[in-house]
Amino acid sequence: MSKLATILGLIIGSVILILSMIDYQQGQFISAFLNWQGLALVLGGTFAAIFINYPLNQVGCIFRGFSKVFTSEPATHSDIIETLVRLSHLSKQKGLLGIENEIDSIEDNFFRFSLTEMLSYQDRDVLKQSLENRVINMRLRHLSCQEVYSNMASYAPAFGMMGTVMGLIIMMTTQVAGASSPYDNGASQDMLGSLLNGMGLALVTTFYGVLFSTFLFMPIAGKLKVLSEAEVLRNEIIIHGVLALKKSESTLLMKEQLMAYVNKKTKLKLESLR
């Protein structure tokens, strides 16, 4: 449902924005909201600042993160607990050899890696440290991508304000340089109209900065955090279960310990497991 929520949010936000840009008295779209120079300044400046701030390989997470919020769902936990309970039963019947034969059929990369490490390490503490280090590294990678989007959310309004200031400077200096006699009433009215027009265009860049910050960059950073936390929790369940398998704990005890990680709805679903 995460992908659907992202798409719905994008559609609803876009519709509201477009409806807010219409002059209903005249029945037309307000063209002042379209300013390609302001758009280029805000987006170009934001991406330029990101390139300056981060190494090139980390900048690539902009595209990976954007794709992830539209294609990924938060990691689930019930399937992992079911598999761990099944492997616990299997280990009681066939020993660790029975688990080894099941590794290739497991799709989750971290789960498969954890089971392989369990068979490789004799010391349970060393195994735990190895798995936790892998989760820490994964979390740091996710945090770095979230940080990129959070910084983009702070850069965009700043470049929007910069565009506004630049527009006002250009507008004022142009009007002063081209001004005729101050006693010419027609020229004064034209100058006032031009000033108001130019001020409207200058303010559009601030609008673009706030728009991209609050409508795209901050929500994407938030969604990436949600996806990351769900994956971290899933991996913590895997670590707990694998360590229980290594210790040859009873299946019932392991199941009760793993159930502490899930909500009430998932617990009711897993109650039938033995």
Protein backbone atom coordinates (compact mmCIF):
# COMPACT_ATOMS: atom_id res chain seq x y z
CA MET A 1 0.00 0.00 0.00
CA SER A 2 2.99 2.31 0.30
CA LYS A 3 3.33 2.66 -3.48
CA LEU A 4 -0.38 3.42 -3.80
CA ALA A 5 -0.18 6.02 -1.01
CA THR A 6 2.74 7.74 -2.76
CA ILE A 7 0.90 7.89 -6.08
CA LEU A 8 -2.33 9.08 -4.44
CA GLY A 9 -0.48 11.80 -2.54
CA LEU A 10 1.21 12.98 -5.74
CA ILE A 11 -2.08 13.06 -7.65
CA ILE A 12 -4.05 14.81 -4.88
CA GLY A 13 -1.31 17.39 -4.32
CA SER A 14 -0.98 18.09 -8.06
CA VAL A 15 -4.75 18.53 -8.50
CA ILE A 16 -4.96 20.93 -5.55
CA LEU A 17 -2.01 22.97 -6.87
CA ILE A 18 -3.43 23.23 -10.38
CA LEU A 19 -6.88 24.22 -9.10
CA SER A 20 -5.23 26.90 -6.94
CA MET A 21 -3.53 28.40 -10.00
CA ILE A 22 -6.78 29.11 -11.87
CA ASP A 23 -8.45 32.51 -12.01
CA TYR A 24 -12.09 31.47 -11.69
CA GLN A 25 -13.46 34.94 -12.49
CA GLN A 26 -11.85 34.94 -15.91
CA GLY A 27 -11.85 31.15 -16.21
CA GLN A 28 -8.20 30.75 -17.17
CA PHE A 29 -4.90 29.46 -15.83
CA ILE A 30 -2.67 32.13 -14.29
CA SER A 31 0.37 32.05 -16.54
CA ALA A 32 2.50 33.94 -13.99
CA PHE A 33 3.04 30.61 -12.18
CA LEU A 34 5.04 29.35 -15.17
CA ASN A 35 8.50 30.86 -15.17
CA TRP A 36 11.18 28.68 -16.74
CA GLN A 37 14.02 30.91 -15.56
CA GLY A 38 12.90 30.61 -11.93
CA LEU A 39 12.38 26.86 -12.29
CA ALA A 40 15.86 26.42 -13.77
CA LEU A 41 17.42 28.51 -11.00
CA VAL A 42 15.74 26.57 -8.16
CA LEU A 43 16.25 23.05 -9.54
CA GLY A 44 19.63 23.76 -11.12
CA GLY A 45 20.94 25.49 -8.01
CA THR A 46 19.66 22.70 -5.74
CA PHE A 47 21.32 19.97 -7.79
CA ALA A 48 24.52 22.00 -8.12
CA ALA A 49 24.70 22.38 -4.34
CA ILE A 50 24.17 18.64 -3.91
CA PHE A 51 27.01 17.91 -6.35
CA ILE A 52 29.27 20.24 -4.37
CA ASN A 53 28.24 18.75 -1.03
CA TYR A 54 28.47 15.01 -1.84
CA PRO A 55 30.73 12.68 -3.81
CA LEU A 56 29.41 11.58 -7.19
CA ASN A 57 28.59 8.01 -6.12
CA GLN A 58 26.34 9.32 -3.32
CA VAL A 59 24.53 11.73 -5.62
CA GLY A 60 23.23 8.69 -7.50
CA CYS A 61 20.97 7.88 -4.57
CA ILE A 62 18.74 10.79 -5.69
CA PHE A 63 17.53 8.66 -8.59
CA ARG A 64 17.55 5.40 -6.62
CA GLY A 65 15.62 6.97 -3.76
CA PHE A 66 13.05 8.55 -6.10
CA SER A 67 12.50 5.20 -7.79
CA LYS A 68 12.29 3.37 -4.46
CA VAL A 69 9.38 5.40 -3.09
CA PHE A 70 7.32 4.45 -6.16
CA THR A 71 8.34 0.79 -6.39
CA SER A 72 9.00 -0.48 -2.85
CA GLU A 73 6.72 -1.56 -0.03
CA PRO A 74 7.69 -1.60 3.67
CA ALA A 75 9.23 -4.96 4.59
CA THR A 76 6.79 -7.41 6.18
CA HIS A 77 7.56 -9.63 9.17
CA SER A 78 5.04 -12.47 9.27
CA ASP A 79 6.69 -14.46 6.46
CA ILE A 80 10.08 -14.28 8.20
CA ILE A 81 8.67 -15.53 11.50
CA GLU A 82 6.84 -18.36 9.72
CA THR A 83 10.05 -19.41 7.95
CA LEU A 84 12.08 -19.24 11.17
CA VAL A 85 9.55 -21.41 13.00
CA ARG A 86 9.62 -23.91 10.14
CA LEU A 87 13.43 -23.98 10.16
CA SER A 88 13.39 -24.48 13.91
CA HIS A 89 11.19 -27.57 13.50
CA LEU A 90 13.48 -28.77 10.72
CA SER A 91 16.62 -28.32 12.80
CA LYS A 92 15.07 -30.39 15.58
CA GLN A 93 14.44 -33.23 13.13
CA LYS A 94 17.48 -33.12 10.82
CA GLY A 95 19.94 -30.83 12.56
CA LEU A 96 21.81 -27.97 10.87
CA LEU A 97 22.16 -30.01 7.68
CA GLY A 98 18.41 -29.68 7.16
CA ILE A 99 18.71 -25.88 7.36
CA GLU A 100 21.65 -25.86 4.96
CA ASN A 101 19.52 -27.55 2.31
CA GLU A 102 16.88 -24.82 2.64
CA ILE A 103 19.18 -21.81 2.19
CA ASP A 104 19.02 -21.68 -1.60
CA SER A 105 15.21 -21.53 -1.55
CA ILE A 106 15.16 -18.34 0.58
CA GLU A 107 14.68 -15.14 -1.43
CA ASP A 108 15.60 -12.57 1.21
CA ASN A 109 19.29 -11.72 0.74
CA PHE A 110 19.98 -10.82 4.36
CA PHE A 111 18.16 -13.93 5.63
CA ARG A 112 20.15 -16.13 3.28
CA PHE A 113 23.39 -14.42 4.32
CA SER A 114 22.52 -14.81 8.03
CA LEU A 115 21.88 -18.54 7.71
CA THR A 116 25.13 -18.99 5.80
CA GLU A 117 27.02 -17.09 8.50
CA MET A 118 25.31 -19.20 11.18
CA LEU A 119 26.72 -22.36 9.60
CA SER A 120 30.16 -20.75 9.23
CA TYR A 121 30.68 -19.32 12.73
CA GLN A 122 31.09 -21.48 15.78
CA ASP A 123 31.00 -18.62 18.30
CA ARG A 124 27.49 -17.21 18.78
CA ASP A 125 28.78 -13.80 19.90
CA VAL A 126 30.97 -13.44 16.83
CA LEU A 127 28.00 -14.38 14.65
CA LYS A 128 25.83 -11.76 16.36
CA GLN A 129 28.48 -9.07 15.88
CA SER A 130 28.88 -9.92 12.20
CA LEU A 131 25.16 -9.69 11.50
CA GLU A 132 24.69 -6.50 13.50
CA ASN A 133 27.59 -4.85 11.66
CA ARG A 134 25.88 -5.62 8.37
CA VAL A 135 22.64 -4.03 9.59
CA ILE A 136 24.53 -0.96 10.82
CA ASN A 137 26.20 -0.54 7.41
CA MET A 138 22.82 -0.86 5.67
CA ARG A 139 21.28 1.73 7.99
CA LEU A 140 24.15 4.16 7.31
CA ARG A 141 23.61 3.79 3.55
CA HIS A 142 19.93 4.53 3.98
CA LEU A 143 20.61 7.51 6.23
CA SER A 144 23.01 9.01 3.70
CA CYS A 145 20.29 8.97 1.03
CA GLN A 146 17.72 10.42 3.42
CA GLU A 147 20.21 13.16 4.26
CA VAL A 148 20.62 14.04 0.58
CA TYR A 149 16.88 14.61 0.21
CA SER A 150 16.70 16.50 3.52
CA ASN A 151 19.44 18.84 2.31
CA MET A 152 17.68 19.29 -1.02
CA ALA A 153 14.59 20.32 0.96
CA SER A 154 16.65 23.03 2.67
CA TYR A 155 18.52 24.17 -0.46
CA ALA A 156 15.44 24.63 -2.67
CA PRO A 157 13.78 27.45 -0.63
CA ALA A 158 17.15 29.18 -0.30
CA PHE A 159 17.62 29.24 -4.08
CA GLY A 160 14.00 30.34 -4.42
CA MET A 161 14.74 33.33 -2.18
CA MET A 162 17.93 33.99 -4.14
CA GLY A 163 15.90 34.09 -7.36
CA THR A 164 13.48 36.54 -5.80
CA VAL A 165 16.29 38.86 -4.71
CA MET A 166 17.92 38.62 -8.15
CA GLY A 167 14.61 39.37 -9.84
CA LEU A 168 14.01 42.41 -7.67
CA ILE A 169 17.53 43.73 -8.31
CA ILE A 170 17.16 43.29 -12.08
CA MET A 171 13.66 44.81 -12.01
CA MET A 172 14.65 47.88 -10.00
CA THR A 173 17.85 48.63 -11.87
CA THR A 174 16.16 48.17 -15.25
CA GLN A 175 13.27 50.45 -14.32
CA VAL A 176 15.56 53.15 -12.91
CA ALA A 177 17.83 53.04 -15.94
CA GLY A 178 14.91 53.27 -18.35
CA ALA A 179 12.86 55.83 -16.42
CA SER A 180 11.80 59.03 -18.17
CA SER A 181 10.72 62.26 -16.52
CA PRO A 182 9.09 61.73 -13.12
CA TYR A 183 6.40 64.29 -14.12
CA ASP A 184 5.18 62.12 -16.99
CA ASN A 185 2.00 60.56 -15.57
CA GLY A 186 1.68 57.91 -18.30
CA ALA A 187 5.27 56.81 -17.86
CA SER A 188 4.78 56.57 -14.09
CA GLN A 189 1.76 54.31 -14.53
CA ASP A 190 3.66 52.11 -16.99
CA MET A 191 6.56 51.92 -14.55
CA LEU A 192 4.24 50.96 -11.68
CA GLY A 193 2.62 48.25 -13.80
CA SER A 194 6.02 46.91 -14.81
CA LEU A 195 7.18 46.91 -11.20
CA LEU A 196 4.15 44.92 -10.06
CA ASN A 197 4.57 42.50 -12.95
CA GLY A 198 8.25 42.04 -12.25
CA MET A 199 7.65 41.57 -8.53
CA GLY A 200 5.13 38.82 -9.27
CA LEU A 201 7.64 37.02 -11.48
CA ALA A 202 10.37 37.42 -8.87
CA LEU A 203 8.20 35.88 -6.16
CA VAL A 204 7.51 32.83 -8.33
CA THR A 205 11.02 31.54 -7.63
CA THR A 206 10.26 31.49 -3.89
CA PHE A 207 7.07 29.60 -4.73
CA TYR A 208 9.08 27.01 -6.69
CA GLY A 209 11.57 26.60 -3.83
CA VAL A 210 8.86 26.02 -1.22
CA LEU A 211 6.90 23.78 -3.61
CA PHE A 212 9.76 21.38 -4.33
CA SER A 213 10.89 21.38 -0.71
CA THR A 214 7.53 20.58 0.89
CA PHE A 215 5.84 18.64 -1.89
CA LEU A 216 8.71 16.43 -3.09
CA PHE A 217 12.02 16.49 -1.25
CA MET A 218 10.82 16.36 2.38
CA PRO A 219 8.10 13.71 1.74
CA ILE A 220 10.56 11.53 -0.19
CA ALA A 221 13.06 11.75 2.68
CA GLY A 222 10.26 10.76 5.07
CA LYS A 223 9.12 7.82 2.95
CA LEU A 224 12.70 6.56 2.63
CA LYS A 225 12.95 6.68 6.43
CA VAL A 226 9.76 4.62 6.79
CA LEU A 227 11.02 2.00 4.31
CA SER A 228 14.41 1.87 6.01
CA GLU A 229 12.98 1.41 9.52
CA ALA A 230 10.75 -1.43 8.31
CA GLU A 231 13.73 -3.17 6.71
CA VAL A 232 15.88 -2.70 9.82
CA LEU A 233 13.15 -4.22 12.00
CA ARG A 234 12.83 -7.17 9.62
CA ASN A 235 16.58 -7.75 9.78
CA GLU A 236 16.55 -7.54 13.59
CA ILE A 237 13.90 -10.27 13.63
CA ILE A 238 16.11 -12.36 11.36
CA ILE A 239 19.13 -11.86 13.63
CA HIS A 240 17.14 -12.84 16.72
CA GLY A 241 15.74 -15.93 15.00
CA VAL A 242 19.07 -17.05 13.57
CA LEU A 243 20.77 -16.70 16.95
CA ALA A 244 17.97 -18.77 18.47
CA LEU A 245 18.56 -21.45 15.83
CA LYS A 246 22.26 -21.37 16.59
CA LYS A 247 21.52 -21.81 20.30
CA SER A 248 19.04 -24.63 19.53
CA GLU A 249 16.31 -22.95 21.54
CA SER A 250 12.88 -24.57 21.63
CA THR A 251 10.57 -23.64 18.78
CA LEU A 252 7.86 -22.36 21.10
CA LEU A 253 10.26 -20.11 23.01
CA MET A 254 11.73 -18.70 19.79
CA LYS A 255 8.25 -18.02 18.42
CA GLU A 256 7.18 -16.17 21.57
CA GLN A 257 10.32 -14.03 21.47
CA LEU A 258 9.80 -13.13 17.79
CA MET A 259 6.15 -12.25 18.38
CA ALA A 260 7.31 -9.34 20.55
CA TYR A 261 8.48 -7.58 17.37
CA VAL A 262 5.09 -7.53 15.62
CA ASN A 263 1.73 -5.82 16.16
CA LYS A 264 -1.45 -7.39 17.47
CA LYS A 265 -2.89 -8.09 14.01
CA THR A 266 0.21 -10.00 12.93
CA LYS A 267 0.28 -11.87 16.25
CA LEU A 268 -3.27 -13.14 15.67
CA LYS A 269 -2.26 -14.29 12.20
CA LEU A 270 0.74 -16.18 13.56
CA GLU A 271 -1.07 -17.77 16.51
CA SER A 272 -1.83 -20.89 14.46
CA LEU A 273 1.89 -21.63 14.05
CA ARG A 274 3.19 -24.49 16.15
